[in-house]
Protein backbone atom coordinates (compact mmCIF):
# COMPACT_ATOMS: atom_id res chain seq x y z
CA UNK A 1 95.68 -17.74 232.05
CA UNK A 2 94.97 -15.00 229.51
CA UNK A 3 94.99 -12.01 231.84
CA UNK A 4 95.92 -11.28 235.46
CA UNK A 5 93.35 -11.46 238.29
CA UNK A 6 91.42 -8.27 239.18
CA UNK A 7 93.17 -5.49 241.08
CA UNK A 8 91.55 -6.17 244.47
CA UNK A 9 92.31 -9.89 244.23
CA UNK A 10 95.96 -9.11 243.59
CA UNK A 11 96.25 -6.58 246.40
CA UNK A 12 94.14 -8.27 249.09
CA UNK A 13 94.90 -11.94 248.41
CA UNK A 14 97.88 -12.61 246.13
CA UNK A 15 100.30 -10.03 247.56
CA UNK A 16 99.79 -10.98 251.25
CA UNK A 17 99.99 -14.69 250.37
CA UNK A 18 103.26 -14.02 248.58
CA UNK A 19 104.77 -12.55 251.75
CA UNK A 20 103.45 -15.48 253.82
CA UNK A 21 104.96 -17.87 251.27
CA UNK A 22 108.33 -16.14 251.57
CA UNK A 23 108.25 -16.57 255.36
CA UNK A 24 107.36 -20.25 254.91
CA UNK A 25 110.22 -20.69 252.44
CA UNK A 26 112.62 -19.20 254.99
CA UNK A 27 111.28 -21.52 257.70
CA UNK A 28 111.87 -24.63 255.62
CA UNK A 29 115.05 -23.34 253.94
CA UNK A 30 117.38 -26.07 255.31
CA UNK A 31 115.01 -28.83 254.20
CA UNK A 32 114.50 -27.80 250.59
CA UNK A 33 118.16 -26.87 250.16
CA UNK A 34 119.01 -30.37 251.31
CA UNK A 35 116.58 -31.81 248.76
CA UNK A 36 118.02 -29.60 246.01
CA UNK A 37 121.57 -30.62 246.91
CA UNK A 38 120.58 -34.30 246.82
CA UNK A 39 118.93 -33.87 243.41
CA UNK A 40 122.06 -32.15 242.12
CA UNK A 41 123.95 -35.43 242.46
CA UNK A 42 121.79 -37.06 239.80
CA UNK A 43 121.19 -34.22 237.31
CA UNK A 44 123.67 -32.80 234.80
CA UNK A 45 125.38 -29.53 235.54
CA UNK A 46 127.41 -28.39 238.50
CA UNK A 47 124.91 -28.15 241.35
CA UNK A 48 122.25 -26.86 238.96
CA UNK A 49 119.13 -27.59 241.10
CA UNK A 50 120.82 -26.19 244.20
CA UNK A 51 121.83 -23.00 242.43
CA UNK A 52 118.36 -22.53 240.98
CA UNK A 53 116.72 -23.21 244.35
CA UNK A 54 119.01 -20.77 246.13
CA UNK A 55 118.48 -18.02 243.56
CA UNK A 56 114.70 -18.49 243.64
CA UNK A 57 114.73 -18.25 247.42
CA UNK A 58 116.72 -15.02 247.32
CA UNK A 59 114.43 -13.63 244.63
CA UNK A 60 111.28 -14.43 246.63
CA UNK A 61 112.85 -13.05 249.82
CA UNK A 62 113.82 -9.79 248.09
CA UNK A 63 110.34 -9.49 246.61
CA UNK A 64 108.78 -9.95 250.06
CA UNK A 65 111.02 -7.24 251.52
CA UNK A 66 110.18 -4.94 248.61
CA UNK A 67 106.43 -5.54 248.98
CA UNK A 68 106.62 -4.59 252.65
CA UNK A 69 108.61 -1.46 251.77
CA UNK A 70 106.06 -0.54 249.10
CA UNK A 71 103.24 -1.00 251.59
CA UNK A 72 105.02 1.33 254.04
CA UNK A 73 105.47 3.89 251.25
CA UNK A 74 101.78 3.61 250.41
CA UNK A 75 100.89 4.42 254.02
CA UNK A 76 103.46 7.22 254.16
CA UNK A 77 102.06 8.78 251.01
CA UNK A 78 98.69 9.26 252.70
CA UNK A 79 97.35 5.83 251.70
CA UNK A 80 98.26 6.44 248.09
CA UNK A 81 97.32 10.13 247.94
CA UNK A 82 100.83 11.42 247.09
CA UNK A 83 102.24 8.41 245.26
CA UNK A 84 102.43 10.34 241.97
CA UNK A 85 104.20 13.34 243.53
CA UNK A 86 107.80 13.99 242.39
CA UNK A 87 109.13 13.13 245.87
CA UNK A 88 107.49 9.73 246.06
CA UNK A 89 108.27 8.96 242.43
CA UNK A 90 111.96 9.61 243.18
CA UNK A 91 111.80 7.39 246.25
CA UNK A 92 110.25 4.58 244.20
CA UNK A 93 113.00 4.80 241.59
CA UNK A 94 115.59 4.63 244.36
CA UNK A 95 113.91 1.57 245.87
CA UNK A 96 113.63 -0.06 242.42
CA UNK A 97 117.35 0.50 241.85
CA UNK A 98 118.17 -1.07 245.21
CA UNK A 99 116.05 -4.13 244.42
CA UNK A 100 117.57 -4.59 240.95
CA UNK A 101 121.11 -4.31 242.33
CA UNK A 102 120.38 -7.08 244.82
CA UNK A 103 118.67 -9.35 242.27
CA UNK A 104 121.33 -8.92 239.61
CA UNK A 105 124.13 -9.23 242.17
CA UNK A 106 122.62 -12.52 243.31
CA UNK A 107 122.37 -13.75 239.70
CA UNK A 108 126.00 -12.84 239.01
CA UNK A 109 127.29 -14.70 242.05
CA UNK A 110 124.97 -17.71 241.87
CA UNK A 111 125.28 -18.37 238.14
CA UNK A 112 128.80 -16.98 237.65
CA UNK A 113 127.43 -14.45 235.21
CA UNK A 114 130.00 -11.96 233.93
CA UNK A 115 128.67 -8.79 232.30
CA UNK A 116 131.25 -6.77 230.43
CA UNK A 117 130.48 -3.50 228.64
CA UNK A 118 132.68 -3.24 225.58
CA UNK A 119 132.27 0.50 225.71
CA UNK A 120 130.30 3.07 227.65
CA UNK A 121 127.82 5.59 226.33
CA UNK A 122 128.92 9.17 225.99
CA UNK A 123 128.44 11.28 229.09
CA UNK A 124 124.73 11.60 229.72
CA UNK A 125 123.11 14.96 229.04
CA UNK A 126 120.60 15.15 231.87
CA UNK A 127 118.77 17.94 230.06
CA UNK A 128 117.70 15.43 227.43
CA UNK A 129 115.67 12.24 227.67
CA UNK A 130 116.75 9.11 225.85
CA UNK A 131 115.12 6.48 223.68
CA UNK A 132 116.81 3.12 224.20
CA UNK A 133 116.37 0.58 221.42
CA UNK A 134 117.83 -2.80 222.38
CA UNK A 135 118.30 -6.20 220.92
CA UNK A 136 116.04 -8.84 222.55
CA UNK A 137 117.57 -12.23 223.38
CA UNK A 138 116.70 -14.44 226.30
CA UNK A 139 114.41 -13.99 229.30
CA UNK A 140 117.00 -12.13 231.37
CA UNK A 141 118.06 -9.29 229.10
CA UNK A 142 115.21 -7.03 230.23
CA UNK A 143 116.51 -7.18 233.79
CA UNK A 144 120.09 -6.58 232.60
CA UNK A 145 119.08 -3.57 230.52
CA UNK A 146 116.85 -1.89 233.09
CA UNK A 147 119.50 -2.42 235.77
CA UNK A 148 122.06 -0.74 233.49
CA UNK A 149 119.69 2.17 232.82
CA UNK A 150 118.70 2.87 236.41
CA UNK A 151 121.86 1.89 238.30
CA UNK A 152 124.53 2.27 235.64
CA UNK A 153 123.15 5.32 233.85
CA UNK A 154 121.29 6.99 236.70
CA UNK A 155 118.17 7.40 234.59
CA UNK A 156 114.48 6.80 235.16
CA UNK A 157 113.39 3.98 232.83
CA UNK A 158 109.94 3.81 231.26
CA UNK A 159 108.83 0.38 230.11
CA UNK A 160 105.94 -1.26 228.25
CA UNK A 161 105.09 -4.74 229.57
CA UNK A 162 102.62 -7.55 228.98
CA UNK A 163 99.87 -7.44 231.60
CA UNK A 164 100.49 -11.08 232.59
CA UNK A 165 103.66 -9.82 234.26
CA UNK A 166 101.34 -8.40 236.92
CA UNK A 167 101.37 -11.94 238.32
CA UNK A 168 104.75 -10.97 239.77
CA UNK A 169 103.66 -8.87 242.78
CA UNK A 170 106.68 -6.55 242.78
CA UNK A 171 106.50 -5.91 239.05
CA UNK A 172 102.78 -5.22 239.45
CA UNK A 173 103.02 -2.83 242.41
CA UNK A 174 106.31 -1.11 241.73
CA UNK A 175 105.99 -0.54 237.99
CA UNK A 176 102.31 0.27 238.34
CA UNK A 177 103.21 3.29 240.46
CA UNK A 178 105.77 4.62 237.97
CA UNK A 179 105.24 5.88 234.40
CA UNK A 180 105.09 2.49 232.71
CA UNK A 181 102.30 0.81 230.78
CA UNK A 182 100.89 -2.71 230.88
CA UNK A 183 99.37 -3.90 227.62
CA UNK A 184 97.07 -6.87 226.93
CA UNK A 185 98.88 -10.19 226.59
CA UNK A 186 96.30 -11.56 224.16
CA UNK A 187 94.64 -10.25 221.02
CA UNK A 188 95.91 -7.53 218.74
CA UNK A 189 97.38 -4.90 221.04
CA UNK A 190 99.03 -2.87 218.29
CA UNK A 191 97.03 0.32 218.79
CA UNK A 192 97.40 0.12 222.56
CA UNK A 193 101.16 -0.33 222.23
CA UNK A 194 101.57 2.62 219.86
CA UNK A 195 99.38 4.87 222.02
CA UNK A 196 101.36 3.88 225.11
CA UNK A 197 104.68 4.57 223.39
CA UNK A 198 103.44 7.96 222.22
CA UNK A 199 102.19 8.91 225.69
CA UNK A 200 105.34 7.83 227.51
CA UNK A 201 107.62 9.49 224.94
CA UNK A 202 105.76 12.79 224.80
CA UNK A 203 105.91 13.33 228.56
CA UNK A 204 109.62 12.53 228.99
CA UNK A 205 111.94 15.12 230.50
CA UNK A 206 115.68 15.15 231.17
CA UNK A 207 116.81 12.01 232.98
CA UNK A 208 113.98 9.86 231.62
CA UNK A 209 114.62 6.92 229.28
CA UNK A 210 112.06 4.92 227.31
CA UNK A 211 113.17 1.30 226.85
CA UNK A 212 111.99 -0.55 223.74
CA UNK A 213 112.81 -3.86 222.07
CA UNK A 214 111.98 -3.14 218.40
CA UNK A 215 112.23 -6.80 217.36
CA UNK A 216 109.17 -7.57 219.46
CA UNK A 217 110.44 -10.99 220.55
CA UNK A 218 113.41 -13.35 220.76
CA UNK A 219 115.18 -14.41 217.59
CA UNK A 220 114.41 -17.79 216.02
CA UNK A 221 115.14 -18.83 212.42
CA UNK A 222 111.41 -19.34 211.81
CA UNK A 223 110.51 -15.86 213.06
CA UNK A 224 113.26 -14.35 210.95
CA UNK A 225 112.05 -16.11 207.80
CA UNK A 226 108.45 -15.18 208.47
CA UNK A 227 109.37 -11.52 209.00
CA UNK A 228 111.26 -11.46 205.70
CA UNK A 229 108.32 -13.05 203.88
CA UNK A 230 105.95 -10.51 205.39
CA UNK A 231 108.08 -7.62 204.18
CA UNK A 232 108.00 -9.09 200.69
CA UNK A 233 104.23 -9.60 200.90
CA UNK A 234 103.59 -5.94 201.73
CA UNK A 235 105.80 -4.74 198.90
CA UNK A 236 108.97 -3.79 200.78
CA UNK A 237 111.68 -5.72 198.89
CA UNK A 238 114.41 -3.29 199.93
CA UNK A 239 113.75 -3.81 203.62
CA UNK A 240 113.39 -7.56 203.03
CA UNK A 241 116.87 -7.61 201.51
CA UNK A 242 118.28 -5.72 204.49
CA UNK A 243 116.55 -8.16 206.86
CA UNK A 244 117.97 -11.09 204.91
CA UNK A 245 121.47 -9.75 205.56
CA UNK A 246 120.90 -10.03 209.32
CA UNK A 247 121.85 -13.47 210.59
CA UNK A 248 121.30 -12.96 214.33
CA UNK A 249 118.47 -10.43 214.66
CA UNK A 250 114.87 -10.13 213.65
CA UNK A 251 114.18 -7.06 211.51
CA UNK A 252 112.96 -4.22 213.72
CA UNK A 253 109.26 -3.43 213.73
CA UNK A 254 109.49 0.28 212.95
CA UNK A 255 106.08 1.55 214.07
CA UNK A 256 106.85 1.74 217.78
CA UNK A 257 110.36 3.12 217.38
CA UNK A 258 109.33 5.74 214.85
CA UNK A 259 106.37 6.75 217.02
CA UNK A 260 108.75 7.32 219.93
CA UNK A 261 111.12 9.39 217.78
CA UNK A 262 108.27 11.54 216.50
CA UNK A 263 106.82 12.04 219.99
CA UNK A 264 110.20 12.91 221.52
CA UNK A 265 112.23 14.67 218.80
CA UNK A 266 114.47 16.20 221.49
CA UNK A 267 115.60 12.79 222.78
CA UNK A 268 118.96 11.20 222.02
CA UNK A 269 118.77 7.59 220.84
CA UNK A 270 120.78 4.71 222.26
CA UNK A 271 121.14 1.42 220.36
CA UNK A 272 122.11 -1.55 222.51
CA UNK A 273 123.66 -4.79 221.31
CA UNK A 274 124.70 -7.70 223.48
CA UNK A 275 126.10 -11.15 222.92
CA UNK A 276 126.20 -14.13 225.28
CA UNK A 277 122.53 -14.93 225.85
CA UNK A 278 121.71 -16.38 222.42
CA UNK A 279 121.30 -19.95 223.72
CA UNK A 280 118.85 -18.91 226.43
CA UNK A 281 115.81 -17.92 224.42
CA UNK A 282 113.35 -20.36 226.03
CA UNK A 283 112.66 -21.68 229.51
CA UNK A 284 114.12 -25.07 228.49
CA UNK A 285 117.27 -23.37 227.21
CA UNK A 286 117.53 -21.38 230.42
CA UNK A 287 117.36 -24.54 232.53
CA UNK A 288 119.96 -26.29 230.38
CA UNK A 289 122.22 -23.25 230.59
CA UNK A 290 122.30 -23.14 234.41
CA UNK A 291 124.83 -22.80 235.92
CA UNK A 292 125.32 -20.32 233.15
CA UNK A 293 128.98 -19.42 233.60
CA UNK A 294 128.20 -16.97 230.82
CA UNK A 295 130.18 -13.99 229.61
CA UNK A 296 127.80 -11.32 228.33
CA UNK A 297 129.34 -8.47 226.34
CA UNK A 298 127.36 -5.33 225.56
CA UNK A 299 127.91 -2.35 223.33
CA UNK A 300 125.97 0.88 222.88
CA UNK A 301 125.68 3.35 220.03
CA UNK A 302 124.46 6.84 220.88
CA UNK A 303 122.88 9.02 218.20
CA UNK A 304 122.14 12.61 219.16
CA UNK A 305 118.72 14.04 218.37
CA UNK A 306 120.29 16.37 215.79
CA UNK A 307 121.73 13.44 213.84
CA UNK A 308 118.47 11.54 213.46
CA UNK A 309 117.44 11.65 209.78
CA UNK A 310 114.22 13.10 208.42
CA UNK A 311 111.02 11.10 208.98
CA UNK A 312 110.92 9.67 205.45
CA UNK A 313 114.42 8.24 205.93
CA UNK A 314 114.06 6.90 209.47
CA UNK A 315 112.74 3.44 208.64
CA UNK A 316 115.72 2.51 206.48
CA UNK A 317 118.04 4.21 208.97
CA UNK A 318 116.62 2.04 211.76
CA UNK A 319 117.36 -1.06 209.66
CA UNK A 320 120.91 0.22 209.07
CA UNK A 321 121.45 0.57 212.81
CA UNK A 322 120.12 -2.94 213.36
CA UNK A 323 122.49 -4.19 210.68
CA UNK A 324 125.37 -2.59 212.59
CA UNK A 325 124.39 -4.47 215.73
CA UNK A 326 124.08 -7.71 213.73
CA UNK A 327 127.57 -7.26 212.26
CA UNK A 328 128.98 -6.62 215.74
CA UNK A 329 127.29 -9.77 217.08
CA UNK A 330 128.60 -11.80 214.13
CA UNK A 331 132.13 -10.60 214.81
CA UNK A 332 131.99 -11.68 218.45
CA UNK A 333 130.42 -15.05 217.71
CA UNK A 334 133.01 -15.75 215.00
CA UNK A 335 135.84 -14.85 217.39
CA UNK A 336 134.40 -17.17 220.03
CA UNK A 337 134.19 -20.03 217.54
CA UNK A 338 137.78 -19.45 216.44
CA UNK A 339 138.97 -19.52 220.06
CA UNK A 340 137.04 -22.74 220.72
CA UNK A 341 138.46 -24.42 217.61
CA UNK A 342 141.92 -23.18 218.41
């Protein structure tokens, strides 16, 4: 599938069927848990199929509850008339935070996932928005980051997503009502992405936070090598050398990040590094890693708007910041290897 079904199909067919499916899953819960437990006896990992089945059930159940709540809010807003009002926007952020707390809490308990911040960001200045530039690794780090922004930091995240994510009813409905943007999943969406970043950044006020993953995808050795070669091809040997010094990250694609900085010069910038999800970059890796029993460590660097360099220096500065994150990751991975060998 290259793009999601039309709007009316999603609202009138897919969303109601999702709720019906959740009710059916609840009805047959004992049966399929029994099947999952039986399968766990013959597959590697400690009760892996059972844990996955249980988490998926909770996820679907929470989505069904959220869809019903969103439908009630739609009616209460005058059948969508006041959905964009400040009051209903605030309610939607509160509901989104509640949903994320439940989903992430379930993931922590089911998969024994430990999330440890190595440090905390400086006290938030609510009079300023923030640009959050994060490392991208694994299919779950988006959830972890947005949960930290909305529940940990008390901010209103703004996100740019692939439009195929509209296949998830809650992502489609909830994020479609808030200042986020869905971009085409196929073709060259560069201009659309940049325009979306500029629009979301320009309209930010205190308490807002734009979340970006400058790498544009998960790290693989092939992607890293191809990115370095491309920098050399376009005549940027200095940046290619800086990218070559990064062993764990892809070089950041500067266009989106620099567009955000230009559009929101009053915003502080937060750089986010994390370690612990490196082996979960694909769906196959994710399956093999469950039960994860993972220890994820995060660290943030906050740069005030006044300390951001001039525009002609920002690209190299962005690479320097990425190099700092890479060095931090390397230090943690080396320590882990030493502990394992010891």
